[in-house]
Amino acid sequence: MAAKILANLIVMGSTILARSFVQAYRQALAKASKNGVAQEAVQNIKRASKTMTETEARQILGVTENSSWEEIVQRYENLFERNAKNGSFYLQSKVHRAKECLEAIHQPKEPEEK
């Protein structure tokens, strides 16, 4: 008899817990849609190009449009070394990709030899 009561309590408790999780999830979705978080997430998923934009690269390195190539390289080396010491590989790779993006813009392409 005690086992049956205990089993019923466990089933009822898990049902109540599951319902509360579903309700909390619905509330979170409602709040996210009001704040525009859901739309932003969809736009990020739909973004076809995975390459870094020039604006994003400048923000990562903390340089302006008027910065010289030497300033960009100096910021790159500083940030790259900091992240190498502190162990953030993700940030280090972002810094590297930002430099590559700006390098393609700032460095003139060499003419191909025939």
PDB file of N, CA and C in Angstrom:
ATOM      1  N   MET A   1       0.816  -1.196   0.000  1.00  0.00           N
ATOM      2  CA  MET A   1       0.000   0.000   0.000  1.00  0.00           C
ATOM      3  C   MET A   1       0.864   1.267   0.000  1.00  0.00           C
ATOM      4  N   ALA A   2       1.931   1.264   0.799  1.00  0.00           N
ATOM      5  CA  ALA A   2       2.824   2.423   0.870  1.00  0.00           C
ATOM      6  C   ALA A   2       3.543   2.620  -0.462  1.00  0.00           C
ATOM      7  N   ALA A   3       3.882   1.526  -1.129  1.00  0.00           N
ATOM      8  CA  ALA A   3       4.569   1.621  -2.420  1.00  0.00           C
ATOM      9  C   ALA A   3       3.663   2.258  -3.467  1.00  0.00           C
ATOM     10  N   LYS A   4       2.378   1.918  -3.410  1.00  0.00           N
ATOM     11  CA  LYS A   4       1.431   2.478  -4.362  1.00  0.00           C
ATOM     12  C   LYS A   4       1.268   3.992  -4.144  1.00  0.00           C
ATOM     13  N   ILE A   5       1.197   4.401  -2.900  1.00  0.00           N
ATOM     14  CA  ILE A   5       1.070   5.822  -2.574  1.00  0.00           C
ATOM     15  C   ILE A   5       2.330   6.562  -3.009  1.00  0.00           C
ATOM     16  N   LEU A   6       3.488   5.971  -2.731  1.00  0.00           N
ATOM     17  CA  LEU A   6       4.756   6.579  -3.118  1.00  0.00           C
ATOM     18  C   LEU A   6       4.856   6.721  -4.639  1.00  0.00           C
ATOM     19  N   ALA A   7       4.423   5.695  -5.368  1.00  0.00           N
ATOM     20  CA  ALA A   7       4.453   5.745  -6.834  1.00  0.00           C
ATOM     21  C   ALA A   7       3.531   6.839  -7.350  1.00  0.00           C
ATOM     22  N   ASN A   8       2.336   6.966  -6.765  1.00  0.00           N
ATOM     23  CA  ASN A   8       1.402   8.018  -7.167  1.00  0.00           C
ATOM     24  C   ASN A   8       1.993   9.403  -6.902  1.00  0.00           C
ATOM     25  N   LEU A   9       2.646   9.591  -5.769  1.00  0.00           N
ATOM     26  CA  LEU A   9       3.273  10.868  -5.439  1.00  0.00           C
ATOM     27  C   LEU A   9       4.372  11.217  -6.442  1.00  0.00           C
ATOM     28  N   ILE A  10       5.154  10.239  -6.820  1.00  0.00           N
ATOM     29  CA  ILE A  10       6.233  10.464  -7.784  1.00  0.00           C
ATOM     30  C   ILE A  10       5.660  10.852  -9.144  1.00  0.00           C
ATOM     31  N   VAL A  11       4.624  10.175  -9.588  1.00  0.00           N
ATOM     32  CA  VAL A  11       4.006  10.475 -10.877  1.00  0.00           C
ATOM     33  C   VAL A  11       3.386  11.861 -10.850  1.00  0.00           C
ATOM     34  N   MET A  12       2.654  12.186  -9.789  1.00  0.00           N
ATOM     35  CA  MET A  12       2.022  13.502  -9.678  1.00  0.00           C
ATOM     36  C   MET A  12       3.078  14.604  -9.613  1.00  0.00           C
ATOM     37  N   GLY A  13       4.148  14.372  -8.878  1.00  0.00           N
ATOM     38  CA  GLY A  13       5.210  15.363  -8.757  1.00  0.00           C
ATOM     39  C   GLY A  13       5.904  15.618 -10.079  1.00  0.00           C
ATOM     40  N   SER A  14       6.174  14.561 -10.802  1.00  0.00           N
ATOM     41  CA  SER A  14       6.842  14.741 -12.098  1.00  0.00           C
ATOM     42  C   SER A  14       5.908  15.413 -13.103  1.00  0.00           C
ATOM     43  N   THR A  15       4.614  15.160 -13.025  1.00  0.00           N
ATOM     44  CA  THR A  15       3.647  15.821 -13.905  1.00  0.00           C
ATOM     45  C   THR A  15       3.605  17.316 -13.622  1.00  0.00           C
ATOM     46  N   ILE A  16       3.570  17.675 -12.342  1.00  0.00           N
ATOM     47  CA  ILE A  16       3.554  19.086 -11.961  1.00  0.00           C
ATOM     48  C   ILE A  16       4.844  19.762 -12.412  1.00  0.00           C
ATOM     49  N   LEU A  17       5.963  19.107 -12.234  1.00  0.00           N
ATOM     50  CA  LEU A  17       7.252  19.657 -12.640  1.00  0.00           C
ATOM     51  C   LEU A  17       7.317  19.861 -14.151  1.00  0.00           C
ATOM     52  N   ALA A  18       6.840  18.891 -14.918  1.00  0.00           N
ATOM     53  CA  ALA A  18       6.847  19.002 -16.379  1.00  0.00           C
ATOM     54  C   ALA A  18       5.970  20.161 -16.845  1.00  0.00           C
ATOM     55  N   ARG A  19       4.800  20.313 -16.220  1.00  0.00           N
ATOM     56  CA  ARG A  19       3.908  21.407 -16.590  1.00  0.00           C
ATOM     57  C   ARG A  19       4.544  22.758 -16.285  1.00  0.00           C
ATOM     58  N   SER A  20       5.238  22.853 -15.164  1.00  0.00           N
ATOM     59  CA  SER A  20       5.872  24.124 -14.808  1.00  0.00           C
ATOM     60  C   SER A  20       7.001  24.467 -15.782  1.00  0.00           C
ATOM     61  N   PHE A  21       7.747  23.468 -16.241  1.00  0.00           N
ATOM     62  CA  PHE A  21       8.795  23.715 -17.232  1.00  0.00           C
ATOM     63  C   PHE A  21       8.197  24.194 -18.551  1.00  0.00           C
ATOM     64  N   VAL A  22       7.110  23.592 -18.979  1.00  0.00           N
ATOM     65  CA  VAL A  22       6.454  23.996 -20.224  1.00  0.00           C
ATOM     66  C   VAL A  22       5.940  25.426 -20.103  1.00  0.00           C
ATOM     67  N   GLN A  23       5.335  25.748 -18.952  1.00  0.00           N
ATOM     68  CA  GLN A  23       4.824  27.100 -18.744  1.00  0.00           C
ATOM     69  C   GLN A  23       5.956  28.127 -18.733  1.00  0.00           C
ATOM     70  N   ALA A  24       7.063  27.807 -18.078  1.00  0.00           N
ATOM     71  CA  ALA A  24       8.213  28.711 -18.037  1.00  0.00           C
ATOM     72  C   ALA A  24       8.792  28.909 -19.432  1.00  0.00           C
ATOM     73  N   TYR A  25       8.842  27.861 -20.230  1.00  0.00           N
ATOM     74  CA  TYR A  25       9.361  27.948 -21.592  1.00  0.00           C
ATOM     75  C   TYR A  25       8.471  28.854 -22.445  1.00  0.00           C
ATOM     76  N   ARG A  26       7.151  28.697 -22.294  1.00  0.00           N
ATOM     77  CA  ARG A  26       6.226  29.552 -23.047  1.00  0.00           C
ATOM     78  C   ARG A  26       6.382  31.020 -22.655  1.00  0.00           C
ATOM     79  N   GLN A  27       6.556  31.275 -21.371  1.00  0.00           N
ATOM     80  CA  GLN A  27       6.753  32.651 -20.913  1.00  0.00           C
ATOM     81  C   GLN A  27       8.052  33.228 -21.467  1.00  0.00           C
ATOM     82  N   ALA A  28       9.098  32.423 -21.479  1.00  0.00           N
ATOM     83  CA  ALA A  28      10.382  32.888 -22.010  1.00  0.00           C
ATOM     84  C   ALA A  28      10.269  33.214 -23.490  1.00  0.00           C
ATOM     85  N   LEU A  29       9.560  32.394 -24.253  1.00  0.00           N
ATOM     86  CA  LEU A  29       9.359  32.667 -25.674  1.00  0.00           C
ATOM     87  C   LEU A  29       8.546  33.941 -25.882  1.00  0.00           C
ATOM     88  N   ALA A  30       7.528  34.141 -25.059  1.00  0.00           N
ATOM     89  CA  ALA A  30       6.700  35.341 -25.181  1.00  0.00           C
ATOM     90  C   ALA A  30       7.525  36.596 -24.895  1.00  0.00           C
ATOM     91  N   LYS A  31       8.342  36.558 -23.854  1.00  0.00           N
ATOM     92  CA  LYS A  31       9.181  37.706 -23.511  1.00  0.00           C
ATOM     93  C   LYS A  31      10.233  37.953 -24.595  1.00  0.00           C
ATOM     94  N   ALA A  32      10.788  36.884 -25.132  1.00  0.00           N
ATOM     95  CA  ALA A  32      11.803  37.032 -26.173  1.00  0.00           C
ATOM     96  C   ALA A  32      11.210  37.653 -27.428  1.00  0.00           C
ATOM     97  N   SER A  33      10.010  37.256 -27.776  1.00  0.00           N
ATOM     98  CA  SER A  33       9.397  37.829 -28.983  1.00  0.00           C
ATOM     99  C   SER A  33       9.037  39.290 -28.775  1.00  0.00           C
ATOM    100  N   LYS A  34       8.688  39.678 -27.548  1.00  0.00           N
ATOM    101  CA  LYS A  34       8.398  41.082 -27.260  1.00  0.00           C
ATOM    102  C   LYS A  34       9.664  41.932 -27.345  1.00  0.00           C
ATOM    103  N   ASN A  35      10.785  41.373 -26.921  1.00  0.00           N
ATOM    104  CA  ASN A  35      12.049  42.105 -26.921  1.00  0.00           C
ATOM    105  C   ASN A  35      12.761  42.078 -28.258  1.00  0.00           C
ATOM    106  N   GLY A  36      12.300  41.275 -29.183  1.00  0.00           N
ATOM    107  CA  GLY A  36      12.942  41.194 -30.485  1.00  0.00           C
ATOM    108  C   GLY A  36      14.104  40.220 -30.525  1.00  0.00           C
ATOM    109  N   VAL A  37      14.304  39.490 -29.447  1.00  0.00           N
ATOM    110  CA  VAL A  37      15.418  38.542 -29.398  1.00  0.00           C
ATOM    111  C   VAL A  37      15.199  37.420 -30.405  1.00  0.00           C
ATOM    112  N   ALA A  38      13.966  36.981 -30.532  1.00  0.00           N
ATOM    113  CA  ALA A  38      13.671  35.883 -31.449  1.00  0.00           C
ATOM    114  C   ALA A  38      13.958  36.281 -32.891  1.00  0.00           C
ATOM    115  N   GLN A  39      13.552  37.503 -33.260  1.00  0.00           N
ATOM    116  CA  GLN A  39      13.781  37.954 -34.630  1.00  0.00           C
ATOM    117  C   GLN A  39      15.269  38.089 -34.907  1.00  0.00           C
ATOM    118  N   GLU A  40      16.008  38.576 -33.920  1.00  0.00           N
ATOM    119  CA  GLU A  40      17.457  38.723 -34.096  1.00  0.00           C
ATOM    120  C   GLU A  40      18.117  37.361 -34.274  1.00  0.00           C
ATOM    121  N   ALA A  41      17.663  36.377 -33.521  1.00  0.00           N
ATOM    122  CA  ALA A  41      18.218  35.030 -33.639  1.00  0.00           C
ATOM    123  C   ALA A  41      17.933  34.450 -35.019  1.00  0.00           C
ATOM    124  N   VAL A  42      16.726  34.667 -35.513  1.00  0.00           N
ATOM    125  CA  VAL A  42      16.369  34.172 -36.848  1.00  0.00           C
ATOM    126  C   VAL A  42      17.222  34.848 -37.907  1.00  0.00           C
ATOM    127  N   GLN A  43      17.447  36.148 -37.769  1.00  0.00           N
ATOM    128  CA  GLN A  43      18.275  36.862 -38.740  1.00  0.00           C
ATOM    129  C   GLN A  43      19.707  36.350 -38.716  1.00  0.00           C
ATOM    130  N   ASN A  44      20.215  36.046 -37.532  1.00  0.00           N
ATOM    131  CA  ASN A  44      21.573  35.522 -37.437  1.00  0.00           C
ATOM    132  C   ASN A  44      21.677  34.144 -38.075  1.00  0.00           C
ATOM    133  N   ILE A  45      20.646  33.343 -37.935  1.00  0.00           N
ATOM    134  CA  ILE A  45      20.656  32.010 -38.542  1.00  0.00           C
ATOM    135  C   ILE A  45      20.573  32.122 -40.057  1.00  0.00           C
ATOM    136  N   LYS A  46      19.768  33.070 -40.536  1.00  0.00           N
ATOM    137  CA  LYS A  46      19.577  33.235 -41.980  1.00  0.00           C
ATOM    138  C   LYS A  46      20.768  33.875 -42.662  1.00  0.00           C
ATOM    139  N   ARG A  47      21.660  34.450 -41.883  1.00  0.00           N
ATOM    140  CA  ARG A  47      22.787  35.151 -42.501  1.00  0.00           C
ATOM    141  C   ARG A  47      23.570  34.173 -43.368  1.00  0.00           C
ATOM    142  N   ALA A  48      23.519  34.403 -44.649  1.00  0.00           N
ATOM    143  CA  ALA A  48      24.111  33.471 -45.602  1.00  0.00           C
ATOM    144  C   ALA A  48      25.628  33.490 -45.538  1.00  0.00           C
ATOM    145  N   SER A  49      26.191  34.654 -45.385  1.00  0.00           N
ATOM    146  CA  SER A  49      27.639  34.769 -45.406  1.00  0.00           C
ATOM    147  C   SER A  49      28.207  34.602 -44.014  1.00  0.00           C
ATOM    148  N   LYS A  50      29.158  33.719 -43.864  1.00  0.00           N
ATOM    149  CA  LYS A  50      29.804  33.495 -42.576  1.00  0.00           C
ATOM    150  C   LYS A  50      31.091  34.295 -42.461  1.00  0.00           C
ATOM    151  N   THR A  51      31.390  35.091 -43.481  1.00  0.00           N
ATOM    152  CA  THR A  51      32.615  35.871 -43.431  1.00  0.00           C
ATOM    153  C   THR A  51      32.403  37.107 -42.578  1.00  0.00           C
ATOM    154  N   MET A  52      33.476  37.596 -42.025  1.00  0.00           N
ATOM    155  CA  MET A  52      33.424  38.756 -41.152  1.00  0.00           C
ATOM    156  C   MET A  52      33.326  40.021 -41.991  1.00  0.00           C
ATOM    157  N   THR A  53      32.486  40.928 -41.553  1.00  0.00           N
ATOM    158  CA  THR A  53      32.363  42.202 -42.247  1.00  0.00           C
ATOM    159  C   THR A  53      33.478  43.136 -41.791  1.00  0.00           C
ATOM    160  N   GLU A  54      33.700  44.175 -42.574  1.00  0.00           N
ATOM    161  CA  GLU A  54      34.744  45.148 -42.228  1.00  0.00           C
ATOM    162  C   GLU A  54      34.398  45.855 -40.915  1.00  0.00           C
ATOM    163  N   THR A  55      33.135  46.180 -40.732  1.00  0.00           N
ATOM    164  CA  THR A  55      32.704  46.868 -39.510  1.00  0.00           C
ATOM    165  C   THR A  55      32.954  45.993 -38.286  1.00  0.00           C
ATOM    166  N   GLU A  56      32.608  44.715 -38.388  1.00  0.00           N
ATOM    167  CA  GLU A  56      32.823  43.791 -37.279  1.00  0.00           C
ATOM    168  C   GLU A  56      34.315  43.645 -36.984  1.00  0.00           C
ATOM    169  N   ALA A  57      35.116  43.559 -38.021  1.00  0.00           N
ATOM    170  CA  ALA A  57      36.561  43.426 -37.841  1.00  0.00           C
ATOM    171  C   ALA A  57      37.127  44.654 -37.147  1.00  0.00           C
ATOM    172  N   ARG A  58      36.667  45.824 -37.531  1.00  0.00           N
ATOM    173  CA  ARG A  58      37.136  47.066 -36.892  1.00  0.00           C
ATOM    174  C   ARG A  58      36.708  47.130 -35.429  1.00  0.00           C
ATOM    175  N   GLN A  59      35.514  46.663 -35.131  1.00  0.00           N
ATOM    176  CA  GLN A  59      35.044  46.654 -33.747  1.00  0.00           C
ATOM    177  C   GLN A  59      35.880  45.704 -32.897  1.00  0.00           C
ATOM    178  N   ILE A  60      36.205  44.547 -33.430  1.00  0.00           N
ATOM    179  CA  ILE A  60      36.991  43.565 -32.681  1.00  0.00           C
ATOM    180  C   ILE A  60      38.374  44.110 -32.370  1.00  0.00           C
ATOM    181  N   LEU A  61      39.001  44.719 -33.355  1.00  0.00           N
ATOM    182  CA  LEU A  61      40.351  45.246 -33.150  1.00  0.00           C
ATOM    183  C   LEU A  61      40.354  46.627 -32.493  1.00  0.00           C
ATOM    184  N   GLY A  62      39.210  47.272 -32.448  1.00  0.00           N
ATOM    185  CA  GLY A  62      39.124  48.581 -31.821  1.00  0.00           C
ATOM    186  C   GLY A  62      39.811  49.675 -32.611  1.00  0.00           C
ATOM    187  N   VAL A  63      39.658  49.641 -33.927  1.00  0.00           N
ATOM    188  CA  VAL A  63      40.253  50.658 -34.790  1.00  0.00           C
ATOM    189  C   VAL A  63      39.146  51.362 -35.563  1.00  0.00           C
ATOM    190  N   THR A  64      39.468  52.526 -36.074  1.00  0.00           N
ATOM    191  CA  THR A  64      38.495  53.296 -36.856  1.00  0.00           C
ATOM    192  C   THR A  64      38.787  53.139 -38.343  1.00  0.00           C
ATOM    193  N   GLU A  65      37.935  53.740 -39.138  1.00  0.00           N
ATOM    194  CA  GLU A  65      38.136  53.694 -40.593  1.00  0.00           C
ATOM    195  C   GLU A  65      39.370  54.481 -41.016  1.00  0.00           C
ATOM    196  N   ASN A  66      39.767  55.445 -40.197  1.00  0.00           N
ATOM    197  CA  ASN A  66      40.916  56.286 -40.528  1.00  0.00           C
ATOM    198  C   ASN A  66      42.237  55.716 -40.014  1.00  0.00           C
ATOM    199  N   SER A  67      42.204  54.580 -39.334  1.00  0.00           N
ATOM    200  CA  SER A  67      43.421  53.995 -38.771  1.00  0.00           C
ATOM    201  C   SER A  67      44.346  53.504 -39.873  1.00  0.00           C
ATOM    202  N   SER A  68      45.630  53.679 -39.644  1.00  0.00           N
ATOM    203  CA  SER A  68      46.614  53.201 -40.618  1.00  0.00           C
ATOM    204  C   SER A  68      46.813  51.704 -40.449  1.00  0.00           C
ATOM    205  N   TRP A  69      47.452  51.113 -41.449  1.00  0.00           N
ATOM    206  CA  TRP A  69      47.723  49.684 -41.397  1.00  0.00           C
ATOM    207  C   TRP A  69      48.641  49.347 -40.227  1.00  0.00           C
ATOM    208  N   GLU A  70      49.581  50.228 -39.920  1.00  0.00           N
ATOM    209  CA  GLU A  70      50.497  50.000 -38.799  1.00  0.00           C
ATOM    210  C   GLU A  70      49.739  49.961 -37.468  1.00  0.00           C
ATOM    211  N   GLU A  71      48.750  50.838 -37.314  1.00  0.00           N
ATOM    212  CA  GLU A  71      47.930  50.829 -36.095  1.00  0.00           C
ATOM    213  C   GLU A  71      47.134  49.529 -35.984  1.00  0.00           C
ATOM    214  N   ILE A  72      46.601  49.083 -37.101  1.00  0.00           N
ATOM    215  CA  ILE A  72      45.822  47.841 -37.114  1.00  0.00           C
ATOM    216  C   ILE A  72      46.703  46.663 -36.711  1.00  0.00           C
ATOM    217  N   VAL A  73      47.910  46.595 -37.280  1.00  0.00           N
ATOM    218  CA  VAL A  73      48.829  45.504 -36.958  1.00  0.00           C
ATOM    219  C   VAL A  73      49.236  45.565 -35.484  1.00  0.00           C
ATOM    220  N   GLN A  74      49.465  46.757 -34.980  1.00  0.00           N
ATOM    221  CA  GLN A  74      49.848  46.926 -33.577  1.00  0.00           C
ATOM    222  C   GLN A  74      48.722  46.445 -32.652  1.00  0.00           C
ATOM    223  N   ARG A  75      47.478  46.826 -32.943  1.00  0.00           N
ATOM    224  CA  ARG A  75      46.337  46.376 -32.138  1.00  0.00           C
ATOM    225  C   ARG A  75      46.183  44.859 -32.231  1.00  0.00           C
ATOM    226  N   TYR A  76      46.368  44.329 -33.444  1.00  0.00           N
ATOM    227  CA  TYR A  76      46.267  42.880 -33.645  1.00  0.00           C
ATOM    228  C   TYR A  76      47.281  42.149 -32.782  1.00  0.00           C
ATOM    229  N   GLU A  77      48.539  42.569 -32.844  1.00  0.00           N
ATOM    230  CA  GLU A  77      49.586  41.892 -32.079  1.00  0.00           C
ATOM    231  C   GLU A  77      49.326  41.974 -30.589  1.00  0.00           C
ATOM    232  N   ASN A  78      48.886  43.136 -30.131  1.00  0.00           N
ATOM    233  CA  ASN A  78      48.593  43.324 -28.716  1.00  0.00           C
ATOM    234  C   ASN A  78      47.468  42.384 -28.255  1.00  0.00           C
ATOM    235  N   LEU A  79      46.353  42.373 -28.984  1.00  0.00           N
ATOM    236  CA  LEU A  79      45.215  41.536 -28.604  1.00  0.00           C
ATOM    237  C   LEU A  79      45.523  40.051 -28.765  1.00  0.00           C
ATOM    238  N   PHE A  80      46.248  39.709 -29.814  1.00  0.00           N
ATOM    239  CA  PHE A  80      46.587  38.305 -30.048  1.00  0.00           C
ATOM    240  C   PHE A  80      47.457  37.771 -28.919  1.00  0.00           C
ATOM    241  N   GLU A  81      48.454  38.545 -28.504  1.00  0.00           N
ATOM    242  CA  GLU A  81      49.344  38.111 -27.421  1.00  0.00           C
ATOM    243  C   GLU A  81      48.610  38.032 -26.089  1.00  0.00           C
ATOM    244  N   ARG A  82      47.740  38.991 -25.820  1.00  0.00           N
ATOM    245  CA  ARG A  82      46.961  38.952 -24.575  1.00  0.00           C
ATOM    246  C   ARG A  82      46.128  37.691 -24.480  1.00  0.00           C
ATOM    247  N   ASN A  83      45.475  37.339 -25.573  1.00  0.00           N
ATOM    248  CA  ASN A  83      44.628  36.151 -25.565  1.00  0.00           C
ATOM    249  C   ASN A  83      45.446  34.870 -25.602  1.00  0.00           C
ATOM    250  N   ALA A  84      46.660  34.930 -26.105  1.00  0.00           N
ATOM    251  CA  ALA A  84      47.533  33.752 -26.079  1.00  0.00           C
ATOM    252  C   ALA A  84      47.958  33.470 -24.641  1.00  0.00           C
ATOM    253  N   LYS A  85      48.223  34.529 -23.869  1.00  0.00           N
ATOM    254  CA  LYS A  85      48.649  34.363 -22.483  1.00  0.00           C
ATOM    255  C   LYS A  85      47.513  33.899 -21.587  1.00  0.00           C
ATOM    256  N   ASN A  86      46.327  34.459 -21.781  1.00  0.00           N
ATOM    257  CA  ASN A  86      45.199  34.159 -20.908  1.00  0.00           C
ATOM    258  C   ASN A  86      44.372  32.970 -21.371  1.00  0.00           C
ATOM    259  N   GLY A  87      44.681  32.427 -22.523  1.00  0.00           N
ATOM    260  CA  GLY A  87      44.092  31.169 -22.949  1.00  0.00           C
ATOM    261  C   GLY A  87      42.721  31.221 -23.588  1.00  0.00           C
ATOM    262  N   SER A  88      42.312  32.332 -24.184  1.00  0.00           N
ATOM    263  CA  SER A  88      41.026  32.381 -24.864  1.00  0.00           C
ATOM    264  C   SER A  88      41.249  32.163 -26.354  1.00  0.00           C
ATOM    265  N   PHE A  89      41.179  30.904 -26.768  1.00  0.00           N
ATOM    266  CA  PHE A  89      41.413  30.560 -28.164  1.00  0.00           C
ATOM    267  C   PHE A  89      40.342  31.155 -29.070  1.00  0.00           C
ATOM    268  N   TYR A  90      39.097  31.214 -28.587  1.00  0.00           N
ATOM    269  CA  TYR A  90      37.999  31.764 -29.380  1.00  0.00           C
ATOM    270  C   TYR A  90      38.265  33.230 -29.703  1.00  0.00           C
ATOM    271  N   LEU A  91      38.610  34.014 -28.687  1.00  0.00           N
ATOM    272  CA  LEU A  91      38.890  35.429 -28.919  1.00  0.00           C
ATOM    273  C   LEU A  91      40.124  35.614 -29.792  1.00  0.00           C
ATOM    274  N   GLN A  92      41.101  34.764 -29.580  1.00  0.00           N
ATOM    275  CA  GLN A  92      42.325  34.842 -30.372  1.00  0.00           C
ATOM    276  C   GLN A  92      42.008  34.596 -31.854  1.00  0.00           C
ATOM    277  N   SER A  93      41.140  33.638 -32.129  1.00  0.00           N
ATOM    278  CA  SER A  93      40.790  33.359 -33.526  1.00  0.00           C
ATOM    279  C   SER A  93      39.956  34.490 -34.124  1.00  0.00           C
ATOM    280  N   LYS A  94      39.085  35.115 -33.312  1.00  0.00           N
ATOM    281  CA  LYS A  94      38.319  36.253 -33.799  1.00  0.00           C
ATOM    282  C   LYS A  94      39.247  37.407 -34.167  1.00  0.00           C
ATOM    283  N   VAL A  95      40.254  37.658 -33.328  1.00  0.00           N
ATOM    284  CA  VAL A  95      41.222  38.720 -33.593  1.00  0.00           C
ATOM    285  C   VAL A  95      41.970  38.423 -34.888  1.00  0.00           C
ATOM    286  N   HIS A  96      42.356  37.169 -35.071  1.00  0.00           N
ATOM    287  CA  HIS A  96      43.085  36.779 -36.281  1.00  0.00           C
ATOM    288  C   HIS A  96      42.219  36.965 -37.526  1.00  0.00           C
ATOM    289  N   ARG A  97      40.943  36.528 -37.450  1.00  0.00           N
ATOM    290  CA  ARG A  97      40.036  36.682 -38.596  1.00  0.00           C
ATOM    291  C   ARG A  97      39.779  38.156 -38.899  1.00  0.00           C
ATOM    292  N   ALA A  98      39.727  38.996 -37.859  1.00  0.00           N
ATOM    293  CA  ALA A  98      39.528  40.429 -38.068  1.00  0.00           C
ATOM    294  C   ALA A  98      40.711  41.020 -38.822  1.00  0.00           C
ATOM    295  N   LYS A  99      41.923  40.599 -38.438  1.00  0.00           N
ATOM    296  CA  LYS A  99      43.110  41.100 -39.129  1.00  0.00           C
ATOM    297  C   LYS A  99      43.112  40.629 -40.587  1.00  0.00           C
ATOM    298  N   GLU A 100      42.743  39.387 -40.826  1.00  0.00           N
ATOM    299  CA  GLU A 100      42.686  38.884 -42.193  1.00  0.00           C
ATOM    300  C   GLU A 100      41.699  39.674 -43.040  1.00  0.00           C
ATOM    301  N   CYS A 101      40.556  39.987 -42.455  1.00  0.00           N
ATOM    302  CA  CYS A 101      39.527  40.756 -43.174  1.00  0.00           C
ATOM    303  C   CYS A 101      40.048  42.139 -43.547  1.00  0.00           C
ATOM    304  N   LEU A 102      40.658  42.821 -42.584  1.00  0.00           N
ATOM    305  CA  LEU A 102      41.168  44.165 -42.850  1.00  0.00           C
ATOM    306  C   LEU A 102      42.401  44.134 -43.740  1.00  0.00           C
ATOM    307  N   GLU A 103      43.149  43.045 -43.679  1.00  0.00           N
ATOM    308  CA  GLU A 103      44.328  42.902 -44.524  1.00  0.00           C
ATOM    309  C   GLU A 103      43.925  42.851 -45.994  1.00  0.00           C
ATOM    310  N   ALA A 104      42.818  42.168 -46.265  1.00  0.00           N
ATOM    311  CA  ALA A 104      42.341  42.073 -47.638  1.00  0.00           C
ATOM    312  C   ALA A 104      41.920  43.435 -48.172  1.00  0.00           C
ATOM    313  N   ILE A 105      41.489  44.300 -47.280  1.00  0.00           N
ATOM    314  CA  ILE A 105      41.049  45.629 -47.696  1.00  0.00           C
ATOM    315  C   ILE A 105      42.224  46.592 -47.825  1.00  0.00           C
ATOM    316  N   HIS A 106      43.141  46.557 -46.865  1.00  0.00           N
ATOM    317  CA  HIS A 106      44.224  47.546 -46.805  1.00  0.00           C
ATOM    318  C   HIS A 106      45.430  47.215 -47.682  1.00  0.00           C
ATOM    319  N   GLN A 107      45.763  45.956 -47.804  1.00  0.00           N
ATOM    320  CA  GLN A 107      46.955  45.590 -48.572  1.00  0.00           C
ATOM    321  C   GLN A 107      46.625  45.523 -50.060  1.00  0.00           C
ATOM    322  N   PRO A 108      47.343  46.260 -50.872  1.00  0.00           N
ATOM    323  CA  PRO A 108      47.081  46.193 -52.312  1.00  0.00           C
ATOM    324  C   PRO A 108      47.477  44.827 -52.857  1.00  0.00           C
ATOM    325  N   LYS A 109      46.666  44.356 -53.768  1.00  0.00           N
ATOM    326  CA  LYS A 109      46.963  43.058 -54.369  1.00  0.00           C
ATOM    327  C   LYS A 109      48.111  43.205 -55.355  1.00  0.00           C
ATOM    328  N   GLU A 110      49.022  42.241 -55.290  1.00  0.00           N
ATOM    329  CA  GLU A 110      50.175  42.271 -56.183  1.00  0.00           C
ATOM    330  C   GLU A 110      49.734  41.751 -57.567  1.00  0.00           C
ATOM    331  N   PRO A 111      50.206  42.370 -58.611  1.00  0.00           N
ATOM    332  CA  PRO A 111      49.806  41.895 -59.949  1.00  0.00           C
ATOM    333  C   PRO A 111      50.366  40.503 -60.194  1.00  0.00           C
ATOM    334  N   GLU A 112      49.562  39.719 -60.868  1.00  0.00           N
ATOM    335  CA  GLU A 112      49.981  38.347 -61.177  1.00  0.00           C
ATOM    336  C   GLU A 112      51.048  38.369 -62.275  1.00  0.00           C
ATOM    337  N   GLU A 113      52.040  37.501 -62.076  1.00  0.00           N
ATOM    338  CA  GLU A 113      53.086  37.394 -63.088  1.00  0.00           C
ATOM    339  C   GLU A 113      52.701  36.350 -64.108  1.00  0.00           C
ATOM    340  N   LYS A 114      52.989  36.668 -65.389  1.00  0.00           N
ATOM    341  CA  LYS A 114      52.632  35.703 -66.446  1.00  0.00           C
ATOM    342  C   LYS A 114      53.845  35.011 -66.967  1.00  0.00           C
TER     343      LYS A 114
END
